Amino acid sequence: MPSIDAAIAKGGKARLLAQFHDFQGWDLHALWDDIKFSATHCTKIERVALVGEKTWEKWMTCVCKPFTMAKVQYFDASNIAAAWAWLKEA
């Protein structure tokens, strides 16, 4: 969080890569933290690359899109280089 806030404080928008590895889901506290983060940062994040290993993680990309103004795209874990390239695109 501090590095995201620092990037935003410089006047820009953040681009994030979220990598799911052995992800089992959220507990209620983590879900609440994610909702609060989204509510306070939704206009300050430009792109989110979700990188995962499972079909349901790919499905999460569709679930996330209505809750953010950022462009969100899923990448398979075997293609993480493409995720980084997408985040760096102009």
PDB file of N, CA and C in Angstrom:
ATOM      1  N   MET A   1       0.800  -1.197   0.000  1.00  0.00           N
ATOM      2  CA  MET A   1       0.000   0.000   0.000  1.00  0.00           C
ATOM      3  C   MET A   1       0.851   1.274   0.000  1.00  0.00           C
ATOM      4  N   PRO A   2       1.897   1.369   0.814  1.00  0.00           N
ATOM      5  CA  PRO A   2       2.683   2.610   0.809  1.00  0.00           C
ATOM      6  C   PRO A   2       3.269   2.938  -0.556  1.00  0.00           C
ATOM      7  N   SER A   3       3.740   1.953  -1.300  1.00  0.00           N
ATOM      8  CA  SER A   3       4.324   2.254  -2.606  1.00  0.00           C
ATOM      9  C   SER A   3       3.261   2.692  -3.606  1.00  0.00           C
ATOM     10  N   ILE A   4       2.056   2.166  -3.480  1.00  0.00           N
ATOM     11  CA  ILE A   4       0.946   2.603  -4.344  1.00  0.00           C
ATOM     12  C   ILE A   4       0.597   4.046  -4.018  1.00  0.00           C
ATOM     13  N   ASP A   5       0.460   4.354  -2.728  1.00  0.00           N
ATOM     14  CA  ASP A   5       0.143   5.719  -2.314  1.00  0.00           C
ATOM     15  C   ASP A   5       1.240   6.697  -2.725  1.00  0.00           C
ATOM     16  N   ALA A   6       2.506   6.265  -2.660  1.00  0.00           N
ATOM     17  CA  ALA A   6       3.619   7.133  -3.064  1.00  0.00           C
ATOM     18  C   ALA A   6       3.567   7.434  -4.549  1.00  0.00           C
ATOM     19  N   ALA A   7       3.257   6.431  -5.373  1.00  0.00           N
ATOM     20  CA  ALA A   7       3.156   6.644  -6.820  1.00  0.00           C
ATOM     21  C   ALA A   7       2.024   7.604  -7.138  1.00  0.00           C
ATOM     22  N   ILE A   8       0.918   7.450  -6.460  1.00  0.00           N
ATOM     23  CA  ILE A   8      -0.234   8.312  -6.689  1.00  0.00           C
ATOM     24  C   ILE A   8       0.055   9.732  -6.218  1.00  0.00           C
ATOM     25  N   ALA A   9       0.789   9.874  -5.118  1.00  0.00           N
ATOM     26  CA  ALA A   9       1.111  11.201  -4.578  1.00  0.00           C
ATOM     27  C   ALA A   9       1.967  12.009  -5.541  1.00  0.00           C
ATOM     28  N   LYS A  10       2.707  11.339  -6.415  1.00  0.00           N
ATOM     29  CA  LYS A  10       3.538  12.033  -7.397  1.00  0.00           C
ATOM     30  C   LYS A  10       2.711  12.588  -8.549  1.00  0.00           C
ATOM     31  N   GLY A  11       1.418  12.395  -8.489  1.00  0.00           N
ATOM     32  CA  GLY A  11       0.542  12.963  -9.504  1.00  0.00           C
ATOM     33  C   GLY A  11       0.162  12.009 -10.614  1.00  0.00           C
ATOM     34  N   GLY A  12       0.619  10.795 -10.536  1.00  0.00           N
ATOM     35  CA  GLY A  12       0.310   9.838 -11.581  1.00  0.00           C
ATOM     36  C   GLY A  12      -0.758   8.855 -11.172  1.00  0.00           C
ATOM     37  N   LYS A  13      -0.945   7.885 -12.030  1.00  0.00           N
ATOM     38  CA  LYS A  13      -1.852   6.798 -11.727  1.00  0.00           C
ATOM     39  C   LYS A  13      -1.026   5.529 -11.606  1.00  0.00           C
ATOM     40  N   ALA A  14      -1.458   4.663 -10.732  1.00  0.00           N
ATOM     41  CA  ALA A  14      -0.724   3.427 -10.488  1.00  0.00           C
ATOM     42  C   ALA A  14      -1.159   2.335 -11.457  1.00  0.00           C
ATOM     43  N   ARG A  15      -0.239   1.430 -11.731  1.00  0.00           N
ATOM     44  CA  ARG A  15      -0.511   0.217 -12.494  1.00  0.00           C
ATOM     45  C   ARG A  15      -0.059  -0.936 -11.610  1.00  0.00           C
ATOM     46  N   LEU A  16      -0.929  -1.929 -11.461  1.00  0.00           N
ATOM     47  CA  LEU A  16      -0.671  -3.003 -10.505  1.00  0.00           C
ATOM     48  C   LEU A  16      -0.626  -4.366 -11.174  1.00  0.00           C
ATOM     49  N   LEU A  17       0.239  -5.220 -10.660  1.00  0.00           N
ATOM     50  CA  LEU A  17       0.249  -6.620 -11.044  1.00  0.00           C
ATOM     51  C   LEU A  17      -0.078  -7.411  -9.780  1.00  0.00           C
ATOM     52  N   ALA A  18      -1.161  -8.177  -9.832  1.00  0.00           N
ATOM     53  CA  ALA A  18      -1.558  -9.028  -8.712  1.00  0.00           C
ATOM     54  C   ALA A  18      -1.387 -10.470  -9.149  1.00  0.00           C
ATOM     55  N   GLN A  19      -0.495 -11.171  -8.474  1.00  0.00           N
ATOM     56  CA  GLN A  19      -0.226 -12.555  -8.849  1.00  0.00           C
ATOM     57  C   GLN A  19      -0.829 -13.490  -7.808  1.00  0.00           C
ATOM     58  N   PHE A  20      -1.713 -14.366  -8.286  1.00  0.00           N
ATOM     59  CA  PHE A  20      -2.324 -15.374  -7.421  1.00  0.00           C
ATOM     60  C   PHE A  20      -1.459 -16.623  -7.479  1.00  0.00           C
ATOM     61  N   HIS A  21      -0.945 -17.034  -6.333  1.00  0.00           N
ATOM     62  CA  HIS A  21      -0.189 -18.280  -6.258  1.00  0.00           C
ATOM     63  C   HIS A  21      -0.698 -19.050  -5.045  1.00  0.00           C
ATOM     64  N   ASP A  22      -1.250 -20.209  -5.294  1.00  0.00           N
ATOM     65  CA  ASP A  22      -1.835 -21.023  -4.234  1.00  0.00           C
ATOM     66  C   ASP A  22      -2.905 -20.236  -3.470  1.00  0.00           C
ATOM     67  N   PHE A  23      -3.649 -19.422  -4.193  1.00  0.00           N
ATOM     68  CA  PHE A  23      -4.685 -18.570  -3.606  1.00  0.00           C
ATOM     69  C   PHE A  23      -5.909 -19.414  -3.285  1.00  0.00           C
ATOM     70  N   GLN A  24      -6.384 -19.303  -2.062  1.00  0.00           N
ATOM     71  CA  GLN A  24      -7.530 -20.096  -1.611  1.00  0.00           C
ATOM     72  C   GLN A  24      -8.797 -19.256  -1.450  1.00  0.00           C
ATOM     73  N   GLY A  25      -8.692 -17.953  -1.595  1.00  0.00           N
ATOM     74  CA  GLY A  25      -9.855 -17.076  -1.442  1.00  0.00           C
ATOM     75  C   GLY A  25      -9.644 -16.087  -0.307  1.00  0.00           C
ATOM     76  N   TRP A  26     -10.663 -15.297  -0.047  1.00  0.00           N
ATOM     77  CA  TRP A  26     -10.601 -14.258   0.975  1.00  0.00           C
ATOM     78  C   TRP A  26     -11.343 -14.699   2.226  1.00  0.00           C
ATOM     79  N   ASP A  27     -10.881 -14.193   3.366  1.00  0.00           N
ATOM     80  CA  ASP A  27     -11.725 -14.253   4.548  1.00  0.00           C
ATOM     81  C   ASP A  27     -12.458 -12.917   4.615  1.00  0.00           C
ATOM     82  N   LEU A  28     -13.393 -12.761   5.518  1.00  0.00           N
ATOM     83  CA  LEU A  28     -14.207 -11.537   5.557  1.00  0.00           C
ATOM     84  C   LEU A  28     -13.368 -10.291   5.805  1.00  0.00           C
ATOM     85  N   HIS A  29     -12.354 -10.382   6.655  1.00  0.00           N
ATOM     86  CA  HIS A  29     -11.507  -9.218   6.938  1.00  0.00           C
ATOM     87  C   HIS A  29     -10.748  -8.781   5.685  1.00  0.00           C
ATOM     88  N   ALA A  30     -10.181  -9.730   4.956  1.00  0.00           N
ATOM     89  CA  ALA A  30      -9.443  -9.408   3.729  1.00  0.00           C
ATOM     90  C   ALA A  30     -10.371  -8.834   2.666  1.00  0.00           C
ATOM     91  N   LEU A  31     -11.569  -9.393   2.555  1.00  0.00           N
ATOM     92  CA  LEU A  31     -12.542  -8.874   1.594  1.00  0.00           C
ATOM     93  C   LEU A  31     -12.894  -7.431   1.929  1.00  0.00           C
ATOM     94  N   TRP A  32     -13.122  -7.137   3.201  1.00  0.00           N
ATOM     95  CA  TRP A  32     -13.438  -5.772   3.627  1.00  0.00           C
ATOM     96  C   TRP A  32     -12.277  -4.830   3.307  1.00  0.00           C
ATOM     97  N   ASP A  33     -11.041  -5.264   3.561  1.00  0.00           N
ATOM     98  CA  ASP A  33      -9.868  -4.438   3.235  1.00  0.00           C
ATOM     99  C   ASP A  33      -9.797  -4.152   1.740  1.00  0.00           C
ATOM    100  N   ASP A  34     -10.093  -5.142   0.914  1.00  0.00           N
ATOM    101  CA  ASP A  34     -10.090  -4.946  -0.542  1.00  0.00           C
ATOM    102  C   ASP A  34     -11.171  -3.965  -0.972  1.00  0.00           C
ATOM    103  N   ILE A  35     -12.337  -4.044  -0.365  1.00  0.00           N
ATOM    104  CA  ILE A  35     -13.428  -3.120  -0.693  1.00  0.00           C
ATOM    105  C   ILE A  35     -13.040  -1.693  -0.314  1.00  0.00           C
ATOM    106  N   LYS A  36     -12.464  -1.511   0.860  1.00  0.00           N
ATOM    107  CA  LYS A  36     -12.033  -0.171   1.293  1.00  0.00           C
ATOM    108  C   LYS A  36     -10.959   0.379   0.357  1.00  0.00           C
ATOM    109  N   PHE A  37     -10.003  -0.481  -0.018  1.00  0.00           N
ATOM    110  CA  PHE A  37      -8.950  -0.053  -0.936  1.00  0.00           C
ATOM    111  C   PHE A  37      -9.550   0.397  -2.258  1.00  0.00           C
ATOM    112  N   SER A  38     -10.452  -0.387  -2.795  1.00  0.00           N
ATOM    113  CA  SER A  38     -11.089  -0.057  -4.076  1.00  0.00           C
ATOM    114  C   SER A  38     -11.858   1.257  -3.990  1.00  0.00           C
ATOM    115  N   ALA A  39     -12.555   1.467  -2.897  1.00  0.00           N
ATOM    116  CA  ALA A  39     -13.348   2.683  -2.738  1.00  0.00           C
ATOM    117  C   ALA A  39     -12.480   3.935  -2.679  1.00  0.00           C
ATOM    118  N   THR A  40     -11.316   3.839  -2.060  1.00  0.00           N
ATOM    119  CA  THR A  40     -10.463   5.022  -1.909  1.00  0.00           C
ATOM    120  C   THR A  40      -9.479   5.216  -3.057  1.00  0.00           C
ATOM    121  N   HIS A  41      -9.236   4.175  -3.846  1.00  0.00           N
ATOM    122  CA  HIS A  41      -8.230   4.259  -4.900  1.00  0.00           C
ATOM    123  C   HIS A  41      -8.783   4.037  -6.302  1.00  0.00           C
ATOM    124  N   CYS A  42     -10.068   3.849  -6.453  1.00  0.00           N
ATOM    125  CA  CYS A  42     -10.631   3.421  -7.747  1.00  0.00           C
ATOM    126  C   CYS A  42     -10.319   4.374  -8.897  1.00  0.00           C
ATOM    127  N   THR A  43     -10.194   5.654  -8.647  1.00  0.00           N
ATOM    128  CA  THR A  43      -9.903   6.592  -9.730  1.00  0.00           C
ATOM    129  C   THR A  43      -8.406   6.802  -9.933  1.00  0.00           C
ATOM    130  N   LYS A  44      -7.586   6.204  -9.078  1.00  0.00           N
ATOM    131  CA  LYS A  44      -6.149   6.440  -9.111  1.00  0.00           C
ATOM    132  C   LYS A  44      -5.348   5.269  -9.674  1.00  0.00           C
ATOM    133  N   ILE A  45      -6.043   4.212 -10.051  1.00  0.00           N
ATOM    134  CA  ILE A  45      -5.371   3.049 -10.614  1.00  0.00           C
ATOM    135  C   ILE A  45      -5.786   2.926 -12.072  1.00  0.00           C
ATOM    136  N   GLU A  46      -4.801   2.887 -12.939  1.00  0.00           N
ATOM    137  CA  GLU A  46      -5.049   2.893 -14.378  1.00  0.00           C
ATOM    138  C   GLU A  46      -5.213   1.488 -14.955  1.00  0.00           C
ATOM    139  N   ARG A  47      -4.357   0.560 -14.529  1.00  0.00           N
ATOM    140  CA  ARG A  47      -4.394  -0.811 -15.050  1.00  0.00           C
ATOM    141  C   ARG A  47      -4.099  -1.803 -13.931  1.00  0.00           C
ATOM    142  N   VAL A  48      -4.740  -2.970 -14.035  1.00  0.00           N
ATOM    143  CA  VAL A  48      -4.468  -4.070 -13.111  1.00  0.00           C
ATOM    144  C   VAL A  48      -4.298  -5.336 -13.943  1.00  0.00           C
ATOM    145  N   ALA A  49      -3.138  -5.946 -13.827  1.00  0.00           N
ATOM    146  CA  ALA A  49      -2.889  -7.236 -14.469  1.00  0.00           C
ATOM    147  C   ALA A  49      -3.055  -8.306 -13.401  1.00  0.00           C
ATOM    148  N   LEU A  50      -4.011  -9.203 -13.604  1.00  0.00           N
ATOM    149  CA  LEU A  50      -4.217 -10.321 -12.688  1.00  0.00           C
ATOM    150  C   LEU A  50      -3.543 -11.545 -13.294  1.00  0.00           C
ATOM    151  N   VAL A  51      -2.631 -12.142 -12.548  1.00  0.00           N
ATOM    152  CA  VAL A  51      -1.865 -13.292 -13.024  1.00  0.00           C
ATOM    153  C   VAL A  51      -2.214 -14.485 -12.143  1.00  0.00           C
ATOM    154  N   GLY A  52      -2.668 -15.559 -12.784  1.00  0.00           N
ATOM    155  CA  GLY A  52      -3.091 -16.704 -11.993  1.00  0.00           C
ATOM    156  C   GLY A  52      -2.823 -18.038 -12.648  1.00  0.00           C
ATOM    157  N   GLU A  53      -3.288 -19.069 -11.955  1.00  0.00           N
ATOM    158  CA  GLU A  53      -3.023 -20.440 -12.373  1.00  0.00           C
ATOM    159  C   GLU A  53      -4.298 -21.244 -12.594  1.00  0.00           C
ATOM    160  N   LYS A  54      -5.436 -20.693 -12.210  1.00  0.00           N
ATOM    161  CA  LYS A  54      -6.666 -21.477 -12.223  1.00  0.00           C
ATOM    162  C   LYS A  54      -7.767 -20.763 -12.999  1.00  0.00           C
ATOM    163  N   THR A  55      -8.700 -21.537 -13.516  1.00  0.00           N
ATOM    164  CA  THR A  55      -9.800 -20.983 -14.306  1.00  0.00           C
ATOM    165  C   THR A  55     -10.623 -19.990 -13.499  1.00  0.00           C
ATOM    166  N   TRP A  56     -10.885 -20.287 -12.221  1.00  0.00           N
ATOM    167  CA  TRP A  56     -11.718 -19.378 -11.431  1.00  0.00           C
ATOM    168  C   TRP A  56     -11.006 -18.053 -11.184  1.00  0.00           C
ATOM    169  N   GLU A  57      -9.675 -18.039 -11.192  1.00  0.00           N
ATOM    170  CA  GLU A  57      -8.952 -16.784 -11.048  1.00  0.00           C
ATOM    171  C   GLU A  57      -9.138 -15.926 -12.300  1.00  0.00           C
ATOM    172  N   LYS A  58      -9.190 -16.560 -13.454  1.00  0.00           N
ATOM    173  CA  LYS A  58      -9.487 -15.838 -14.686  1.00  0.00           C
ATOM    174  C   LYS A  58     -10.887 -15.247 -14.620  1.00  0.00           C
ATOM    175  N   TRP A  59     -11.821 -16.005 -14.090  1.00  0.00           N
ATOM    176  CA  TRP A  59     -13.197 -15.540 -13.927  1.00  0.00           C
ATOM    177  C   TRP A  59     -13.270 -14.314 -13.018  1.00  0.00           C
ATOM    178  N   MET A  60     -12.356 -14.237 -12.028  1.00  0.00           N
ATOM    179  CA  MET A  60     -12.326 -13.100 -11.098  1.00  0.00           C
ATOM    180  C   MET A  60     -12.109 -11.781 -11.839  1.00  0.00           C
ATOM    181  N   THR A  61     -11.447 -11.819 -12.969  1.00  0.00           N
ATOM    182  CA  THR A  61     -11.236 -10.609 -13.759  1.00  0.00           C
ATOM    183  C   THR A  61     -12.579  -9.988 -14.136  1.00  0.00           C
ATOM    184  N   CYS A  62     -13.513 -10.805 -14.549  1.00  0.00           N
ATOM    185  CA  CYS A  62     -14.849 -10.310 -14.916  1.00  0.00           C
ATOM    186  C   CYS A  62     -15.587  -9.774 -13.704  1.00  0.00           C
ATOM    187  N   VAL A  63     -15.405 -10.408 -12.564  1.00  0.00           N
ATOM    188  CA  VAL A  63     -16.071  -9.974 -11.332  1.00  0.00           C
ATOM    189  C   VAL A  63     -15.524  -8.628 -10.882  1.00  0.00           C
ATOM    190  N   CYS A  64     -14.228  -8.410 -11.038  1.00  0.00           N
ATOM    191  CA  CYS A  64     -13.573  -7.181 -10.565  1.00  0.00           C
ATOM    192  C   CYS A  64     -13.909  -5.951 -11.404  1.00  0.00           C
ATOM    193  N   LYS A  65     -14.115  -6.130 -12.686  1.00  0.00           N
ATOM    194  CA  LYS A  65     -14.264  -4.996 -13.605  1.00  0.00           C
ATOM    195  C   LYS A  65     -15.334  -3.976 -13.193  1.00  0.00           C
ATOM    196  N   PRO A  66     -16.511  -4.382 -12.728  1.00  0.00           N
ATOM    197  CA  PRO A  66     -17.511  -3.372 -12.362  1.00  0.00           C
ATOM    198  C   PRO A  66     -17.135  -2.527 -11.141  1.00  0.00           C
ATOM    199  N   PHE A  67     -16.137  -2.978 -10.379  1.00  0.00           N
ATOM    200  CA  PHE A  67     -15.779  -2.295  -9.140  1.00  0.00           C
ATOM    201  C   PHE A  67     -14.577  -1.373  -9.275  1.00  0.00           C
ATOM    202  N   THR A  68     -14.116  -1.167 -10.488  1.00  0.00           N
ATOM    203  CA  THR A  68     -12.967  -0.297 -10.692  1.00  0.00           C
ATOM    204  C   THR A  68     -13.102   0.443 -12.014  1.00  0.00           C
ATOM    205  N   MET A  69     -12.440   1.562 -12.100  1.00  0.00           N
ATOM    206  CA  MET A  69     -12.387   2.308 -13.347  1.00  0.00           C
ATOM    207  C   MET A  69     -11.149   1.905 -14.144  1.00  0.00           C
ATOM    208  N   ALA A  70     -10.301   1.077 -13.546  1.00  0.00           N
ATOM    209  CA  ALA A  70      -9.065   0.632 -14.194  1.00  0.00           C
ATOM    210  C   ALA A  70      -9.357  -0.400 -15.271  1.00  0.00           C
ATOM    211  N   LYS A  71      -8.447  -0.491 -16.227  1.00  0.00           N
ATOM    212  CA  LYS A  71      -8.488  -1.592 -17.184  1.00  0.00           C
ATOM    213  C   LYS A  71      -7.944  -2.808 -16.446  1.00  0.00           C
ATOM    214  N   VAL A  72      -8.664  -3.911 -16.528  1.00  0.00           N
ATOM    215  CA  VAL A  72      -8.264  -5.135 -15.839  1.00  0.00           C
ATOM    216  C   VAL A  72      -8.131  -6.244 -16.873  1.00  0.00           C
ATOM    217  N   GLN A  73      -7.007  -6.954 -16.814  1.00  0.00           N
ATOM    218  CA  GLN A  73      -6.791  -8.044 -17.757  1.00  0.00           C
ATOM    219  C   GLN A  73      -6.140  -9.220 -17.029  1.00  0.00           C
ATOM    220  N   TYR A  74      -6.562 -10.432 -17.403  1.00  0.00           N
ATOM    221  CA  TYR A  74      -6.025 -11.658 -16.811  1.00  0.00           C
ATOM    222  C   TYR A  74      -4.919 -12.232 -17.686  1.00  0.00           C
ATOM    223  N   PHE A  75      -3.895 -12.777 -17.034  1.00  0.00           N
ATOM    224  CA  PHE A  75      -2.799 -13.460 -17.703  1.00  0.00           C
ATOM    225  C   PHE A  75      -2.506 -14.756 -16.967  1.00  0.00           C
ATOM    226  N   ASP A  76      -2.254 -15.818 -17.699  1.00  0.00           N
ATOM    227  CA  ASP A  76      -1.855 -17.070 -17.093  1.00  0.00           C
ATOM    228  C   ASP A  76      -0.463 -16.902 -16.491  1.00  0.00           C
ATOM    229  N   ALA A  77      -0.206 -17.626 -15.407  1.00  0.00           N
ATOM    230  CA  ALA A  77       1.086 -17.517 -14.716  1.00  0.00           C
ATOM    231  C   ALA A  77       2.265 -17.823 -15.639  1.00  0.00           C
ATOM    232  N   SER A  78       2.052 -18.676 -16.613  1.00  0.00           N
ATOM    233  CA  SER A  78       3.132 -19.001 -17.549  1.00  0.00           C
ATOM    234  C   SER A  78       3.446 -17.848 -18.499  1.00  0.00           C
ATOM    235  N   ASN A  79       2.627 -16.811 -18.479  1.00  0.00           N
ATOM    236  CA  ASN A  79       2.789 -15.686 -19.396  1.00  0.00           C
ATOM    237  C   ASN A  79       2.925 -14.362 -18.636  1.00  0.00           C
ATOM    238  N   ILE A  80       3.625 -14.388 -17.516  1.00  0.00           N
ATOM    239  CA  ILE A  80       3.764 -13.185 -16.688  1.00  0.00           C
ATOM    240  C   ILE A  80       4.504 -12.067 -17.429  1.00  0.00           C
ATOM    241  N   ALA A  81       5.388 -12.426 -18.355  1.00  0.00           N
ATOM    242  CA  ALA A  81       6.108 -11.398 -19.127  1.00  0.00           C
ATOM    243  C   ALA A  81       5.109 -10.560 -19.936  1.00  0.00           C
ATOM    244  N   ALA A  82       4.075 -11.177 -20.457  1.00  0.00           N
ATOM    245  CA  ALA A  82       3.050 -10.433 -21.199  1.00  0.00           C
ATOM    246  C   ALA A  82       2.284  -9.496 -20.285  1.00  0.00           C
ATOM    247  N   ALA A  83       2.074  -9.916 -19.046  1.00  0.00           N
ATOM    248  CA  ALA A  83       1.383  -9.056 -18.088  1.00  0.00           C
ATOM    249  C   ALA A  83       2.200  -7.798 -17.817  1.00  0.00           C
ATOM    250  N   TRP A  84       3.501  -7.983 -17.584  1.00  0.00           N
ATOM    251  CA  TRP A  84       4.372  -6.822 -17.361  1.00  0.00           C
ATOM    252  C   TRP A  84       4.416  -5.917 -18.591  1.00  0.00           C
ATOM    253  N   ALA A  85       4.473  -6.503 -19.770  1.00  0.00           N
ATOM    254  CA  ALA A  85       4.488  -5.721 -21.015  1.00  0.00           C
ATOM    255  C   ALA A  85       3.207  -4.922 -21.159  1.00  0.00           C
ATOM    256  N   TRP A  86       2.067  -5.523 -20.845  1.00  0.00           N
ATOM    257  CA  TRP A  86       0.783  -4.825 -20.934  1.00  0.00           C
ATOM    258  C   TRP A  86       0.728  -3.646 -19.964  1.00  0.00           C
ATOM    259  N   LEU A  87       1.280  -3.833 -18.771  1.00  0.00           N
ATOM    260  CA  LEU A  87       1.288  -2.746 -17.797  1.00  0.00           C
ATOM    261  C   LEU A  87       2.165  -1.579 -18.253  1.00  0.00           C
ATOM    262  N   LYS A  88       3.210  -1.868 -19.014  1.00  0.00           N
ATOM    263  CA  LYS A  88       4.138  -0.822 -19.451  1.00  0.00           C
ATOM    264  C   LYS A  88       3.692  -0.118 -20.732  1.00  0.00           C
ATOM    265  N   GLU A  89       2.670  -0.637 -21.399  1.00  0.00           N
ATOM    266  CA  GLU A  89       2.185  -0.007 -22.641  1.00  0.00           C
ATOM    267  C   GLU A  89       1.725   1.426 -22.369  1.00  0.00           C
ATOM    268  N   ALA A  90       1.892   2.268 -23.358  1.00  0.00           N
ATOM    269  CA  ALA A  90       1.449   3.664 -23.238  1.00  0.00           C
ATOM    270  C   ALA A  90      -0.045   3.771 -23.339  1.00  0.00           C
TER     271      ALA A  90
END
